[in-house]
């Protein structure tokens, strides 16, 4: 009789333990999709790019001088007008990182703040670039808002049928422009999104509904 009572008590304790553990398992299951969603959202949120300690939108021209020294050349945008509210000056250097090429530091002349850095690699495939930067990118296509400027100066907007393909590491402020033959034309360290989510010239055009995240280049 005592044996039966003991077995009943153990069985009751086991059931109580399972019932108390069940909500915990349910919470864990509920947290996993939420955590994945947060990670994906973090990859879609733009952050300021950083190159050799220089942060786009924050570092200043004296900071650039400390890192790079005097430039080999100074340029200005060919289409920059005298009344431009954000006049730029481009300081050109030779690249100091893994990829050989020319590097341009963009400075806002009014504030002396570095707007961004553009590296034009001499020869770099998109596969080599992804191997260097990592697989945590999104692919985004853009079109030019031509009513706001010519093709060289017009701002960009996201478009599923856009002619410009970018490999974006948004959470690191890095965007790679890829040509049709699979070469990386520009590596940009930016302080803000590359383009708007919709066209300002043609608001009826449907924007790209989402970026494509991939571990393999297409």
N, C-alpha and C. Protein backbone atom coordinates (compact mmCIF):
# COMPACT_ATOMS: atom_id res chain seq x y z
N UNK A 1 0.82 -1.20 0.00
CA UNK A 1 0.00 0.00 0.00
C UNK A 1 0.86 1.26 0.00
N UNK A 2 1.90 1.27 0.88
CA UNK A 2 2.81 2.42 0.92
C UNK A 2 3.49 2.64 -0.42
N UNK A 3 3.82 1.54 -1.09
CA UNK A 3 4.49 1.65 -2.41
C UNK A 3 3.60 2.35 -3.41
N UNK A 4 2.31 2.02 -3.39
CA UNK A 4 1.36 2.62 -4.32
C UNK A 4 1.22 4.12 -4.05
N UNK A 5 1.17 4.49 -2.74
CA UNK A 5 1.05 5.90 -2.38
C UNK A 5 2.27 6.70 -2.85
N UNK A 6 3.45 6.12 -2.66
CA UNK A 6 4.69 6.78 -3.09
C UNK A 6 4.70 6.98 -4.60
N UNK A 7 4.29 5.94 -5.35
CA UNK A 7 4.27 6.04 -6.82
C UNK A 7 3.30 7.12 -7.28
N UNK A 8 2.14 7.19 -6.58
CA UNK A 8 1.17 8.23 -6.95
C UNK A 8 1.73 9.63 -6.70
N UNK A 9 2.46 9.80 -5.59
CA UNK A 9 3.05 11.09 -5.28
C UNK A 9 4.10 11.48 -6.31
N UNK A 10 4.94 10.53 -6.70
CA UNK A 10 5.97 10.81 -7.72
C UNK A 10 5.35 11.17 -9.05
N UNK A 11 4.26 10.44 -9.40
CA UNK A 11 3.58 10.72 -10.66
C UNK A 11 2.99 12.13 -10.66
N UNK A 12 2.41 12.52 -9.54
CA UNK A 12 1.82 13.87 -9.43
C UNK A 12 2.89 14.94 -9.56
N UNK A 13 4.05 14.71 -8.93
CA UNK A 13 5.14 15.68 -9.02
C UNK A 13 5.66 15.81 -10.45
N UNK A 14 5.74 14.69 -11.17
CA UNK A 14 6.23 14.71 -12.56
C UNK A 14 5.30 15.50 -13.44
N UNK A 15 3.98 15.28 -13.26
CA UNK A 15 2.99 16.01 -14.07
C UNK A 15 3.08 17.50 -13.80
N UNK A 16 3.22 17.87 -12.49
CA UNK A 16 3.33 19.28 -12.13
C UNK A 16 4.58 19.91 -12.74
N UNK A 17 5.68 19.16 -12.75
CA UNK A 17 6.92 19.68 -13.33
C UNK A 17 6.77 19.93 -14.82
N UNK A 18 6.13 18.97 -15.52
CA UNK A 18 5.92 19.13 -16.96
C UNK A 18 5.03 20.32 -17.26
N UNK A 19 3.99 20.51 -16.44
CA UNK A 19 3.08 21.62 -16.67
C UNK A 19 3.77 22.97 -16.46
N UNK A 20 4.62 23.02 -15.42
CA UNK A 20 5.34 24.28 -15.16
C UNK A 20 6.39 24.56 -16.21
N UNK A 21 6.98 23.52 -16.82
CA UNK A 21 8.02 23.71 -17.83
C UNK A 21 7.42 24.06 -19.18
N UNK A 22 6.18 23.65 -19.42
CA UNK A 22 5.56 23.86 -20.73
C UNK A 22 5.49 25.33 -21.13
N UNK A 23 5.03 26.25 -20.24
CA UNK A 23 5.02 27.67 -20.64
C UNK A 23 6.40 28.20 -20.99
N UNK A 24 7.44 27.72 -20.29
CA UNK A 24 8.79 28.16 -20.60
C UNK A 24 9.18 27.77 -22.00
N UNK A 25 8.85 26.52 -22.37
CA UNK A 25 9.17 26.08 -23.74
C UNK A 25 8.39 26.89 -24.76
N UNK A 26 7.13 27.21 -24.42
CA UNK A 26 6.33 28.02 -25.35
C UNK A 26 6.93 29.41 -25.52
N UNK A 27 7.41 30.00 -24.40
CA UNK A 27 8.05 31.32 -24.49
C UNK A 27 9.30 31.27 -25.35
N UNK A 28 10.09 30.19 -25.19
CA UNK A 28 11.30 30.05 -25.99
C UNK A 28 10.97 29.95 -27.46
N UNK A 29 9.89 29.19 -27.78
CA UNK A 29 9.49 29.05 -29.17
C UNK A 29 9.03 30.38 -29.74
N UNK A 30 8.34 31.16 -28.89
CA UNK A 30 7.86 32.45 -29.36
C UNK A 30 8.99 33.44 -29.56
N UNK A 31 10.05 33.33 -28.78
CA UNK A 31 11.15 34.27 -28.87
C UNK A 31 12.00 34.07 -30.11
N UNK A 32 12.12 32.84 -30.57
CA UNK A 32 13.02 32.54 -31.69
C UNK A 32 12.64 33.30 -32.95
N UNK A 33 11.37 33.26 -33.42
CA UNK A 33 11.04 34.04 -34.62
C UNK A 33 11.25 35.53 -34.40
N UNK A 34 10.93 36.01 -33.19
CA UNK A 34 11.11 37.44 -32.89
C UNK A 34 12.58 37.83 -32.98
N UNK A 35 13.45 36.96 -32.47
CA UNK A 35 14.89 37.23 -32.53
C UNK A 35 15.38 37.26 -33.96
N UNK A 36 14.89 36.31 -34.77
CA UNK A 36 15.28 36.29 -36.19
C UNK A 36 14.81 37.54 -36.89
N UNK A 37 13.57 37.98 -36.54
CA UNK A 37 13.05 39.19 -37.15
C UNK A 37 13.88 40.41 -36.79
N UNK A 38 14.33 40.47 -35.54
CA UNK A 38 15.19 41.59 -35.13
C UNK A 38 16.50 41.60 -35.87
N UNK A 39 17.09 40.40 -36.05
CA UNK A 39 18.37 40.33 -36.77
C UNK A 39 18.20 40.80 -38.21
N UNK A 40 17.10 40.37 -38.85
CA UNK A 40 16.86 40.78 -40.23
C UNK A 40 16.63 42.28 -40.32
N UNK A 41 15.84 42.82 -39.36
CA UNK A 41 15.57 44.25 -39.37
C UNK A 41 16.85 45.05 -39.16
N UNK A 42 17.73 44.54 -38.31
CA UNK A 42 19.01 45.22 -38.09
C UNK A 42 19.82 45.30 -39.36
N UNK A 43 19.71 44.27 -40.22
CA UNK A 43 20.45 44.29 -41.48
C UNK A 43 19.84 45.26 -42.47
N UNK A 44 18.54 45.60 -42.30
CA UNK A 44 17.88 46.50 -43.23
C UNK A 44 17.96 47.96 -42.78
N UNK A 45 18.38 48.18 -41.55
CA UNK A 45 18.51 49.54 -41.04
C UNK A 45 19.90 50.10 -41.36
N UNK A 46 19.92 51.29 -41.97
CA UNK A 46 21.19 51.92 -42.32
C UNK A 46 21.89 52.48 -41.09
N UNK A 47 23.19 52.30 -41.03
CA UNK A 47 24.02 52.93 -40.02
C UNK A 47 25.21 53.59 -40.71
N UNK A 48 25.84 54.51 -40.03
CA UNK A 48 26.95 55.24 -40.64
C UNK A 48 28.14 54.32 -40.86
N UNK A 49 28.76 54.43 -42.05
CA UNK A 49 29.92 53.63 -42.37
C UNK A 49 31.18 54.14 -41.69
N UNK A 50 32.10 53.24 -41.45
CA UNK A 50 33.37 53.60 -40.80
C UNK A 50 34.52 53.00 -41.58
N UNK A 51 35.49 53.83 -41.92
CA UNK A 51 36.66 53.39 -42.69
C UNK A 51 37.90 53.90 -41.98
N UNK A 52 38.71 52.97 -41.48
CA UNK A 52 39.95 53.29 -40.77
C UNK A 52 39.72 54.29 -39.64
N UNK A 53 38.58 54.14 -38.94
CA UNK A 53 38.28 55.01 -37.82
C UNK A 53 37.57 56.30 -38.19
N UNK A 54 37.36 56.55 -39.48
CA UNK A 54 36.64 57.74 -39.94
C UNK A 54 35.18 57.38 -40.15
N UNK A 55 34.27 58.10 -39.50
CA UNK A 55 32.84 57.80 -39.57
C UNK A 55 32.13 58.80 -40.47
N UNK A 56 31.41 58.26 -41.45
CA UNK A 56 30.66 59.12 -42.38
C UNK A 56 29.60 59.91 -41.63
N UNK A 57 29.54 61.21 -41.92
CA UNK A 57 28.57 62.07 -41.28
C UNK A 57 29.00 62.59 -39.92
N UNK A 58 30.17 62.19 -39.46
CA UNK A 58 30.63 62.62 -38.15
C UNK A 58 32.07 63.15 -38.17
N UNK A 59 32.98 62.41 -38.79
CA UNK A 59 34.38 62.83 -38.83
C UNK A 59 34.53 64.10 -39.67
N UNK A 60 35.57 64.87 -39.39
CA UNK A 60 35.79 66.15 -40.07
C UNK A 60 37.07 66.11 -40.91
N UNK A 61 37.28 67.17 -41.67
CA UNK A 61 38.45 67.24 -42.53
C UNK A 61 39.76 67.12 -41.74
N UNK A 62 39.91 67.76 -40.56
CA UNK A 62 41.13 67.54 -39.78
C UNK A 62 41.32 66.06 -39.41
N UNK A 63 40.23 65.34 -39.15
CA UNK A 63 40.33 63.90 -38.86
C UNK A 63 40.88 63.16 -40.08
N UNK A 64 40.40 63.54 -41.25
CA UNK A 64 40.86 62.91 -42.49
C UNK A 64 42.35 63.17 -42.69
N UNK A 65 42.78 64.38 -42.44
CA UNK A 65 44.19 64.71 -42.59
C UNK A 65 45.07 63.88 -41.66
N UNK A 66 44.59 63.64 -40.45
CA UNK A 66 45.36 62.84 -39.50
C UNK A 66 45.52 61.40 -39.98
N UNK A 67 44.50 60.88 -40.67
CA UNK A 67 44.53 59.48 -41.11
C UNK A 67 45.25 59.34 -42.45
N UNK A 68 44.94 60.21 -43.39
CA UNK A 68 45.45 60.06 -44.76
C UNK A 68 46.58 61.01 -45.13
N UNK A 69 46.66 62.14 -44.44
CA UNK A 69 47.62 63.15 -44.85
C UNK A 69 47.07 63.96 -46.02
N UNK A 70 47.96 64.64 -46.72
CA UNK A 70 47.55 65.47 -47.85
C UNK A 70 47.13 64.60 -49.03
N UNK A 71 46.08 64.99 -49.74
CA UNK A 71 45.62 64.19 -50.89
C UNK A 71 46.54 64.37 -52.09
N UNK A 72 46.45 63.41 -52.99
CA UNK A 72 47.23 63.54 -54.22
C UNK A 72 46.54 64.44 -55.23
N UNK A 73 45.22 64.65 -55.03
CA UNK A 73 44.47 65.49 -55.96
C UNK A 73 43.20 65.98 -55.27
N UNK A 74 42.72 67.16 -55.69
CA UNK A 74 41.47 67.71 -55.17
C UNK A 74 40.53 67.93 -56.36
N UNK A 75 39.32 67.36 -56.27
CA UNK A 75 38.33 67.50 -57.34
C UNK A 75 37.05 68.12 -56.78
N UNK A 76 36.21 68.57 -57.69
CA UNK A 76 34.85 69.01 -57.35
C UNK A 76 33.89 68.36 -58.33
N UNK A 77 32.65 68.10 -57.94
CA UNK A 77 31.68 67.50 -58.87
C UNK A 77 31.52 68.36 -60.12
N UNK A 78 31.50 67.71 -61.26
CA UNK A 78 31.42 68.44 -62.52
C UNK A 78 30.10 69.19 -62.65
N UNK A 79 29.03 68.63 -62.06
CA UNK A 79 27.71 69.25 -62.21
C UNK A 79 27.32 70.11 -61.02
N UNK A 80 28.26 70.43 -60.15
CA UNK A 80 27.96 71.22 -58.96
C UNK A 80 27.75 72.68 -59.34
N UNK A 81 26.62 73.23 -58.93
CA UNK A 81 26.30 74.62 -59.26
C UNK A 81 26.75 75.56 -58.14
N UNK A 82 26.97 76.82 -58.44
CA UNK A 82 27.41 77.77 -57.41
C UNK A 82 26.42 77.91 -56.25
N UNK A 83 25.12 77.70 -56.53
CA UNK A 83 24.10 77.86 -55.50
C UNK A 83 23.74 76.55 -54.80
N UNK A 84 24.56 75.56 -54.98
CA UNK A 84 24.29 74.27 -54.33
C UNK A 84 24.29 74.44 -52.81
N UNK A 85 23.20 74.03 -52.14
CA UNK A 85 23.16 74.20 -50.67
C UNK A 85 24.11 73.27 -49.92
N UNK A 86 24.58 72.24 -50.61
CA UNK A 86 25.52 71.30 -49.99
C UNK A 86 26.75 71.14 -50.88
N UNK A 87 27.57 72.17 -51.01
CA UNK A 87 28.74 72.08 -51.88
C UNK A 87 29.73 71.06 -51.35
N UNK A 88 30.32 70.31 -52.27
CA UNK A 88 31.26 69.25 -51.90
C UNK A 88 32.64 69.52 -52.48
N UNK A 89 33.64 68.99 -51.80
CA UNK A 89 34.99 68.94 -52.34
C UNK A 89 35.47 67.51 -52.17
N UNK A 90 36.14 67.00 -53.18
CA UNK A 90 36.58 65.60 -53.18
C UNK A 90 38.10 65.54 -53.04
N UNK A 91 38.56 64.86 -52.02
CA UNK A 91 39.99 64.67 -51.79
C UNK A 91 40.35 63.24 -52.19
N UNK A 92 41.26 63.14 -53.14
CA UNK A 92 41.55 61.84 -53.76
C UNK A 92 42.88 61.28 -53.26
N UNK A 93 42.85 59.98 -52.90
CA UNK A 93 44.03 59.27 -52.39
C UNK A 93 44.14 57.92 -53.10
N UNK A 94 45.25 57.27 -52.88
CA UNK A 94 45.39 55.86 -53.26
C UNK A 94 44.87 55.01 -52.11
N UNK A 95 44.19 53.93 -52.45
CA UNK A 95 43.59 53.06 -51.43
C UNK A 95 44.66 52.48 -50.52
N UNK A 96 44.33 52.37 -49.21
CA UNK A 96 45.27 51.80 -48.25
C UNK A 96 44.84 50.41 -47.79
N UNK A 97 43.68 49.96 -48.21
CA UNK A 97 43.19 48.66 -47.77
C UNK A 97 43.59 47.57 -48.76
N UNK A 98 42.91 46.43 -48.65
CA UNK A 98 43.25 45.25 -49.45
C UNK A 98 43.13 45.51 -50.94
N UNK A 99 42.14 46.29 -51.34
CA UNK A 99 41.85 46.46 -52.76
C UNK A 99 42.59 47.67 -53.32
N UNK A 100 43.38 47.43 -54.32
CA UNK A 100 44.09 48.53 -54.98
C UNK A 100 43.09 49.38 -55.76
N UNK A 101 43.34 50.66 -55.80
CA UNK A 101 42.45 51.55 -56.53
C UNK A 101 42.54 52.96 -56.00
N UNK A 102 41.59 53.77 -56.39
CA UNK A 102 41.56 55.18 -56.00
C UNK A 102 40.45 55.41 -54.98
N UNK A 103 40.75 56.20 -53.97
CA UNK A 103 39.81 56.45 -52.87
C UNK A 103 39.51 57.94 -52.81
N UNK A 104 38.22 58.27 -52.72
CA UNK A 104 37.79 59.66 -52.67
C UNK A 104 37.05 59.94 -51.37
N UNK A 105 37.52 60.95 -50.64
CA UNK A 105 36.87 61.39 -49.41
C UNK A 105 36.01 62.61 -49.76
N UNK A 106 34.71 62.51 -49.48
CA UNK A 106 33.77 63.58 -49.81
C UNK A 106 33.56 64.46 -48.57
N UNK A 107 33.86 65.75 -48.72
CA UNK A 107 33.75 66.69 -47.60
C UNK A 107 32.71 67.77 -47.93
N UNK A 108 31.82 68.03 -46.98
CA UNK A 108 30.88 69.14 -47.11
C UNK A 108 31.63 70.44 -46.82
N UNK A 109 31.73 71.32 -47.80
CA UNK A 109 32.53 72.54 -47.67
C UNK A 109 31.98 73.48 -46.62
N UNK A 110 30.68 73.43 -46.37
CA UNK A 110 30.10 74.35 -45.39
C UNK A 110 30.45 73.96 -43.96
N UNK A 111 30.49 72.66 -43.69
CA UNK A 111 30.66 72.19 -42.32
C UNK A 111 31.99 71.50 -42.06
N UNK A 112 32.74 71.17 -43.13
CA UNK A 112 33.99 70.42 -43.02
C UNK A 112 33.77 68.99 -42.53
N UNK A 113 32.51 68.51 -42.57
CA UNK A 113 32.20 67.14 -42.15
C UNK A 113 32.33 66.20 -43.34
N UNK A 114 32.85 65.01 -43.08
CA UNK A 114 33.01 64.00 -44.13
C UNK A 114 31.66 63.35 -44.44
N UNK A 115 31.17 63.54 -45.66
CA UNK A 115 29.89 62.95 -46.06
C UNK A 115 30.01 61.45 -46.30
N UNK A 116 31.14 61.04 -46.81
CA UNK A 116 31.34 59.63 -47.11
C UNK A 116 32.67 59.38 -47.78
N UNK A 117 32.92 58.11 -48.08
CA UNK A 117 34.15 57.70 -48.76
C UNK A 117 33.77 56.76 -49.89
N UNK A 118 34.35 56.97 -51.06
CA UNK A 118 34.12 56.11 -52.21
C UNK A 118 35.44 55.50 -52.68
N UNK A 119 35.48 54.19 -52.72
CA UNK A 119 36.66 53.48 -53.20
C UNK A 119 36.34 52.85 -54.54
N UNK A 120 37.15 53.16 -55.54
CA UNK A 120 37.00 52.57 -56.87
C UNK A 120 38.10 51.54 -57.08
N UNK A 121 37.81 50.26 -56.84
CA UNK A 121 38.85 49.23 -56.96
C UNK A 121 39.28 49.05 -58.41
N UNK A 122 40.56 48.77 -58.59
CA UNK A 122 41.09 48.59 -59.95
C UNK A 122 40.52 47.34 -60.59
N UNK A 123 40.41 46.26 -59.84
CA UNK A 123 39.86 45.01 -60.35
C UNK A 123 39.35 44.18 -59.19
N UNK A 124 38.03 44.08 -59.09
CA UNK A 124 37.42 43.35 -57.98
C UNK A 124 36.09 42.75 -58.42
N UNK A 125 35.96 41.44 -58.29
CA UNK A 125 34.70 40.78 -58.63
C UNK A 125 33.76 40.82 -57.43
N UNK A 126 32.47 40.64 -57.68
CA UNK A 126 31.52 40.66 -56.58
C UNK A 126 31.74 39.47 -55.64
N UNK A 127 32.18 38.35 -56.19
CA UNK A 127 32.46 37.18 -55.34
C UNK A 127 33.61 37.47 -54.38
N UNK A 128 34.66 38.11 -54.89
CA UNK A 128 35.79 38.46 -54.04
C UNK A 128 35.38 39.47 -52.97
N UNK A 129 34.51 40.40 -53.35
CA UNK A 129 34.06 41.42 -52.39
C UNK A 129 33.26 40.78 -51.27
N UNK A 130 32.35 39.87 -51.61
CA UNK A 130 31.53 39.21 -50.60
C UNK A 130 32.39 38.33 -49.70
N UNK A 131 33.39 37.71 -50.27
CA UNK A 131 34.30 36.90 -49.45
C UNK A 131 35.01 37.78 -48.43
N UNK A 132 35.32 39.02 -48.82
CA UNK A 132 36.01 39.95 -47.91
C UNK A 132 35.06 40.55 -46.87
N UNK A 133 33.89 41.01 -47.31
CA UNK A 133 32.98 41.72 -46.41
C UNK A 133 32.04 40.79 -45.65
N UNK A 134 31.77 39.59 -46.18
CA UNK A 134 30.91 38.65 -45.48
C UNK A 134 29.58 38.43 -46.18
N UNK A 135 28.82 37.42 -45.73
CA UNK A 135 27.56 37.04 -46.40
C UNK A 135 26.34 37.80 -45.91
N UNK A 136 26.47 38.70 -44.94
CA UNK A 136 25.31 39.35 -44.34
C UNK A 136 24.93 40.62 -45.09
N UNK A 137 24.56 40.47 -46.36
CA UNK A 137 24.22 41.60 -47.21
C UNK A 137 22.79 41.48 -47.73
N UNK A 138 22.29 42.55 -48.30
CA UNK A 138 21.04 42.52 -49.04
C UNK A 138 21.30 43.08 -50.43
N UNK A 139 20.55 42.58 -51.40
CA UNK A 139 20.64 43.08 -52.77
C UNK A 139 19.49 44.04 -53.02
N UNK A 140 19.80 45.21 -53.54
CA UNK A 140 18.76 46.21 -53.80
C UNK A 140 18.98 46.82 -55.18
N UNK A 141 17.89 46.96 -55.92
CA UNK A 141 17.95 47.63 -57.22
C UNK A 141 17.40 49.05 -57.09
N UNK A 142 18.03 49.96 -57.84
CA UNK A 142 17.64 51.37 -57.81
C UNK A 142 17.45 51.90 -59.23
N UNK A 143 16.61 52.92 -59.34
CA UNK A 143 16.48 53.71 -60.56
C UNK A 143 16.81 55.17 -60.24
N UNK A 144 17.03 55.94 -61.29
CA UNK A 144 17.33 57.36 -61.13
C UNK A 144 16.04 58.18 -61.20
N UNK A 145 15.85 59.10 -60.26
CA UNK A 145 14.74 60.05 -60.32
C UNK A 145 15.14 61.17 -61.26
N UNK A 146 14.94 60.96 -62.55
CA UNK A 146 15.52 61.83 -63.57
C UNK A 146 14.93 63.23 -63.60
N UNK A 147 13.73 63.42 -63.03
CA UNK A 147 13.17 64.77 -63.04
C UNK A 147 13.90 65.67 -62.05
N UNK A 148 14.74 65.07 -61.19
CA UNK A 148 15.49 65.84 -60.19
C UNK A 148 16.95 66.02 -60.57
N UNK A 149 17.31 65.65 -61.81
CA UNK A 149 18.69 65.81 -62.26
C UNK A 149 18.98 64.86 -63.39
N UNK A 150 20.18 64.99 -63.99
CA UNK A 150 20.55 64.05 -65.04
C UNK A 150 21.01 62.74 -64.40
N UNK A 151 21.34 61.74 -65.22
CA UNK A 151 21.63 60.40 -64.70
C UNK A 151 22.81 60.39 -63.75
N UNK A 152 23.75 61.29 -63.92
CA UNK A 152 24.93 61.30 -63.06
C UNK A 152 24.65 61.94 -61.70
N UNK A 153 23.71 62.90 -61.68
CA UNK A 153 23.47 63.62 -60.44
C UNK A 153 22.09 63.36 -59.83
N UNK A 154 21.21 62.68 -60.58
CA UNK A 154 19.85 62.45 -60.08
C UNK A 154 19.87 61.52 -58.88
N UNK A 155 19.03 61.80 -57.87
CA UNK A 155 18.96 60.89 -56.72
C UNK A 155 18.36 59.55 -57.11
N UNK A 156 18.56 58.57 -56.25
CA UNK A 156 18.10 57.21 -56.51
C UNK A 156 16.86 56.88 -55.69
N UNK A 157 16.11 55.90 -56.17
CA UNK A 157 15.00 55.35 -55.40
C UNK A 157 14.94 53.84 -55.65
N UNK A 158 14.42 53.10 -54.69
CA UNK A 158 14.34 51.65 -54.80
C UNK A 158 13.31 51.25 -55.85
N UNK A 159 13.69 50.32 -56.72
CA UNK A 159 12.80 49.88 -57.79
C UNK A 159 13.13 48.44 -58.15
N UNK A 160 12.10 47.59 -58.20
CA UNK A 160 12.32 46.18 -58.49
C UNK A 160 12.96 45.98 -59.86
N UNK A 161 12.72 46.89 -60.79
CA UNK A 161 13.27 46.79 -62.15
C UNK A 161 14.39 47.80 -62.38
N UNK A 162 15.00 48.26 -61.32
CA UNK A 162 16.03 49.27 -61.45
C UNK A 162 17.25 48.81 -62.22
N UNK A 163 17.91 49.73 -62.85
CA UNK A 163 19.08 49.41 -63.68
C UNK A 163 20.36 49.31 -62.85
N UNK A 164 20.31 49.79 -61.61
CA UNK A 164 21.50 49.82 -60.77
C UNK A 164 21.37 48.80 -59.64
N UNK A 165 22.31 47.87 -59.58
CA UNK A 165 22.29 46.82 -58.54
C UNK A 165 23.34 47.12 -57.49
N UNK A 166 22.91 47.12 -56.24
CA UNK A 166 23.84 47.36 -55.13
C UNK A 166 23.83 46.19 -54.15
N UNK A 167 25.02 45.83 -53.70
CA UNK A 167 25.20 44.87 -52.62
C UNK A 167 25.39 45.71 -51.36
N UNK A 168 24.44 45.60 -50.42
CA UNK A 168 24.43 46.53 -49.29
C UNK A 168 24.64 45.82 -47.95
N UNK A 169 25.57 46.37 -47.20
CA UNK A 169 25.77 46.00 -45.80
C UNK A 169 25.25 47.19 -44.99
N UNK A 170 23.95 47.31 -44.92
CA UNK A 170 23.32 48.51 -44.37
C UNK A 170 23.70 48.73 -42.91
N UNK A 171 23.77 47.66 -42.14
CA UNK A 171 24.08 47.80 -40.72
C UNK A 171 25.52 48.22 -40.49
N UNK A 172 26.32 48.25 -41.59
CA UNK A 172 27.71 48.71 -41.49
C UNK A 172 27.95 49.94 -42.36
N UNK A 173 26.90 50.45 -43.01
CA UNK A 173 27.04 51.66 -43.81
C UNK A 173 27.88 51.48 -45.05
N UNK A 174 27.84 50.28 -45.66
CA UNK A 174 28.67 49.99 -46.83
C UNK A 174 27.76 49.57 -47.99
N UNK A 175 28.01 50.13 -49.17
CA UNK A 175 27.25 49.78 -50.36
C UNK A 175 28.20 49.57 -51.53
N UNK A 176 28.03 48.45 -52.23
CA UNK A 176 28.87 48.10 -53.37
C UNK A 176 28.05 48.17 -54.65
N UNK A 177 28.50 48.98 -55.59
CA UNK A 177 27.85 49.07 -56.90
C UNK A 177 28.46 48.02 -57.82
N UNK A 178 27.58 47.18 -58.39
CA UNK A 178 28.04 46.06 -59.22
C UNK A 178 27.63 46.30 -60.67
N UNK A 179 28.58 46.13 -61.59
CA UNK A 179 28.30 46.31 -63.01
C UNK A 179 27.64 45.06 -63.59
N UNK A 180 27.18 45.16 -64.82
CA UNK A 180 26.52 44.04 -65.47
C UNK A 180 27.45 42.84 -65.68
N UNK A 181 28.73 43.09 -65.79
CA UNK A 181 29.68 41.99 -65.99
C UNK A 181 30.22 41.44 -64.67
N UNK A 182 29.58 41.82 -63.56
CA UNK A 182 29.93 41.22 -62.27
C UNK A 182 31.13 41.84 -61.57
N UNK A 183 31.52 43.03 -61.97
CA UNK A 183 32.64 43.71 -61.32
C UNK A 183 32.12 44.78 -60.35
N UNK A 184 32.87 44.99 -59.27
CA UNK A 184 32.51 46.03 -58.32
C UNK A 184 33.10 47.35 -58.80
N UNK A 185 32.22 48.29 -59.08
CA UNK A 185 32.66 49.59 -59.59
C UNK A 185 33.04 50.54 -58.46
N UNK A 186 32.23 50.54 -57.38
CA UNK A 186 32.46 51.45 -56.27
C UNK A 186 32.11 50.79 -54.95
N UNK A 187 32.93 51.01 -53.95
CA UNK A 187 32.62 50.63 -52.56
C UNK A 187 32.42 51.93 -51.79
N UNK A 188 31.21 52.16 -51.30
CA UNK A 188 30.88 53.43 -50.65
C UNK A 188 30.64 53.22 -49.16
N UNK A 189 31.23 54.11 -48.37
CA UNK A 189 30.97 54.17 -46.93
C UNK A 189 30.12 55.41 -46.73
N UNK A 190 28.85 55.22 -46.35
CA UNK A 190 27.87 56.30 -46.40
C UNK A 190 27.38 56.67 -45.01
N UNK A 191 26.75 57.85 -44.93
CA UNK A 191 26.20 58.33 -43.66
C UNK A 191 24.68 58.23 -43.62
N UNK A 192 24.06 57.88 -44.75
CA UNK A 192 22.60 57.83 -44.82
C UNK A 192 22.21 56.85 -45.93
N UNK A 193 20.91 56.51 -46.04
CA UNK A 193 20.48 55.59 -47.09
C UNK A 193 20.88 56.04 -48.49
N UNK A 194 21.14 55.07 -49.35
CA UNK A 194 21.55 55.35 -50.72
C UNK A 194 20.47 56.09 -51.50
N UNK A 195 19.22 55.70 -51.31
CA UNK A 195 18.12 56.31 -52.04
C UNK A 195 16.83 56.29 -51.25
N UNK A 196 15.80 56.90 -51.81
CA UNK A 196 14.49 56.90 -51.16
C UNK A 196 13.77 55.58 -51.47
N UNK A 197 12.75 55.29 -50.70
CA UNK A 197 12.02 54.04 -50.88
C UNK A 197 11.05 54.12 -52.06
N UNK A 198 10.70 55.34 -52.48
CA UNK A 198 9.79 55.54 -53.60
C UNK A 198 10.29 56.67 -54.49
N UNK A 199 9.84 56.64 -55.74
CA UNK A 199 10.19 57.72 -56.67
C UNK A 199 9.44 58.99 -56.29
N UNK A 200 10.14 60.10 -56.33
CA UNK A 200 9.50 61.39 -56.11
C UNK A 200 9.02 62.02 -57.41
N UNK A 201 9.49 61.47 -58.52
CA UNK A 201 9.04 61.95 -59.83
C UNK A 201 7.80 61.19 -60.30
N UNK A 202 7.74 59.91 -59.98
CA UNK A 202 6.63 59.07 -60.42
C UNK A 202 6.12 58.27 -59.23
N UNK A 203 5.33 58.90 -58.35
CA UNK A 203 4.90 58.24 -57.12
C UNK A 203 4.02 57.01 -57.36
N UNK A 204 3.44 56.89 -58.57
CA UNK A 204 2.59 55.74 -58.86
C UNK A 204 3.39 54.46 -59.10
N UNK A 205 4.67 54.62 -59.39
CA UNK A 205 5.49 53.44 -59.64
C UNK A 205 5.65 52.65 -58.35
N UNK A 206 5.42 51.35 -58.44
CA UNK A 206 5.54 50.50 -57.26
C UNK A 206 7.00 50.31 -56.92
N UNK A 207 7.31 50.56 -55.65
CA UNK A 207 8.68 50.37 -55.22
C UNK A 207 8.95 48.90 -54.98
N UNK A 208 10.20 48.55 -54.84
CA UNK A 208 10.59 47.19 -54.49
C UNK A 208 10.08 46.91 -53.09
N UNK A 209 9.32 45.82 -52.92
CA UNK A 209 8.66 45.55 -51.65
C UNK A 209 9.64 45.12 -50.57
N UNK A 210 10.80 44.64 -50.93
CA UNK A 210 11.77 44.23 -49.93
C UNK A 210 13.08 43.90 -50.58
N UNK A 211 14.14 43.96 -49.78
CA UNK A 211 15.45 43.60 -50.28
C UNK A 211 15.63 42.09 -50.20
N UNK A 212 16.48 41.59 -51.02
CA UNK A 212 16.76 40.15 -51.04
C UNK A 212 18.03 39.89 -50.26
N UNK A 213 17.89 39.07 -49.22
CA UNK A 213 19.05 38.68 -48.43
C UNK A 213 19.52 37.34 -48.95
N UNK A 214 20.79 37.20 -49.16
CA UNK A 214 21.30 35.97 -49.74
C UNK A 214 22.72 35.70 -49.27
N UNK A 215 23.06 34.42 -49.25
CA UNK A 215 24.43 34.02 -48.96
C UNK A 215 25.18 33.68 -50.25
N UNK A 216 24.50 33.80 -51.36
CA UNK A 216 25.12 33.53 -52.65
C UNK A 216 24.77 34.65 -53.60
N UNK A 217 25.77 35.14 -54.30
CA UNK A 217 25.53 36.19 -55.28
C UNK A 217 24.80 35.61 -56.48
N UNK A 218 23.92 36.39 -57.08
CA UNK A 218 23.17 35.94 -58.24
C UNK A 218 23.56 36.77 -59.45
